[in-house]
Amino acid sequence: MKANIIAENRIIYQGEVSSITLPGVKGELTILSNHLPLITSLVKGRIKLKEPSGKELFFEIEKGLLEVQPDEVNALVSCKLI
């Protein structure tokens, strides 16, 4: 699935991922391909992206908004790369 992480008028990450784990208001969310559509707020914590190659990337965020479609995840956040 395609993942886009956007912060402060710049693209932080754009690419294919096998999973993405994010800090939701009611706990951690892990999104996989073909997930049901979802819109939710994000809280301070860590985003973990797992690329199809197995490589993992991490981003610390302060807050954000998440939109999930079956083949795409969009996160608008305040974050920094670890």
Protein backbone atom coordinates (compact mmCIF):
# COMPACT_ATOMS: atom_id res chain seq x y z
CA MET A 1 0.00 0.00 0.00
CA LYS A 2 1.11 3.58 -0.54
CA ALA A 3 1.96 5.73 2.50
CA ASN A 4 2.28 9.51 2.61
CA ILE A 5 3.48 11.39 5.68
CA ILE A 6 3.27 15.15 5.31
CA ALA A 7 4.47 17.78 7.79
CA GLU A 8 4.89 21.55 7.65
CA ASN A 9 4.41 21.90 3.89
CA ARG A 10 6.83 19.11 3.04
CA ILE A 11 6.65 15.42 2.29
CA ILE A 12 8.42 13.46 5.03
CA TYR A 13 7.81 10.05 3.47
CA GLN A 14 6.14 8.81 0.29
CA GLY A 15 6.37 5.20 -0.83
CA GLU A 16 5.19 1.63 -0.60
CA VAL A 17 4.88 -0.01 2.81
CA SER A 18 3.75 -3.42 4.01
CA SER A 19 2.52 -1.96 7.32
CA ILE A 20 2.34 1.28 9.27
CA THR A 21 1.87 1.62 13.03
CA LEU A 22 0.71 4.93 14.48
CA PRO A 23 -0.22 6.40 17.88
CA GLY A 24 -4.01 6.82 17.93
CA VAL A 25 -6.12 8.56 20.56
CA LYS A 26 -7.27 5.22 22.00
CA GLY A 27 -4.00 3.34 21.48
CA GLU A 28 -1.65 2.09 18.82
CA LEU A 29 -3.03 1.39 15.31
CA THR A 30 -1.42 -0.96 12.82
CA ILE A 31 -2.63 -0.55 9.24
CA LEU A 32 -2.17 -3.25 6.59
CA SER A 33 -3.26 -3.38 2.94
CA ASN A 34 -7.02 -3.51 2.33
CA HIS A 35 -7.83 -1.84 5.66
CA LEU A 36 -11.31 -0.39 5.99
CA PRO A 37 -11.53 3.38 5.41
CA LEU A 38 -10.79 5.36 8.56
CA ILE A 39 -10.20 8.94 9.68
CA THR A 40 -8.82 9.58 13.18
CA SER A 41 -6.64 11.89 15.22
CA LEU A 42 -3.07 11.01 16.13
CA VAL A 43 -1.36 11.82 19.42
CA LYS A 44 2.25 12.24 20.51
CA GLY A 45 4.23 9.08 19.84
CA ARG A 46 6.07 7.11 17.19
CA ILE A 47 5.12 6.12 13.65
CA LYS A 48 6.73 2.90 12.43
CA LEU A 49 6.81 2.18 8.69
CA LYS A 50 7.78 -1.25 7.40
CA GLU A 51 8.77 -1.30 3.74
CA PRO A 52 8.28 -4.42 1.56
CA SER A 53 12.07 -5.01 1.74
CA GLY A 54 11.78 -5.34 5.54
CA LYS A 55 13.45 -1.98 6.24
CA GLU A 56 11.84 -0.09 9.13
CA LEU A 57 11.65 3.70 9.48
CA PHE A 58 10.56 5.64 12.56
CA PHE A 59 9.14 9.13 13.03
CA GLU A 60 8.32 10.90 16.30
CA ILE A 61 5.18 13.02 16.10
CA GLU A 62 3.49 15.56 18.35
CA LYS A 63 0.00 15.24 16.83
CA GLY A 64 -1.71 14.62 13.54
CA LEU A 65 -4.58 13.41 11.43
CA LEU A 66 -4.77 10.00 9.74
CA GLU A 67 -6.80 9.03 6.66
CA VAL A 68 -6.83 5.37 5.62
CA GLN A 69 -8.12 3.97 2.31
CA PRO A 70 -7.78 0.29 1.26
CA ASP A 71 -4.63 1.01 -0.78
CA GLU A 72 -3.35 4.32 0.66
CA VAL A 73 -2.54 5.89 4.05
CA ASN A 74 -2.17 9.65 4.50
CA ALA A 75 -0.88 11.21 7.72
CA LEU A 76 -0.71 14.97 8.23
CA VAL A 77 1.61 15.46 11.21
CA SER A 78 4.07 17.54 13.18
CA CYS A 79 7.12 15.27 13.30
CA LYS A 80 10.86 14.74 13.12
CA LEU A 81 12.93 11.82 11.77
CA ILE A 82 14.65 9.63 14.40
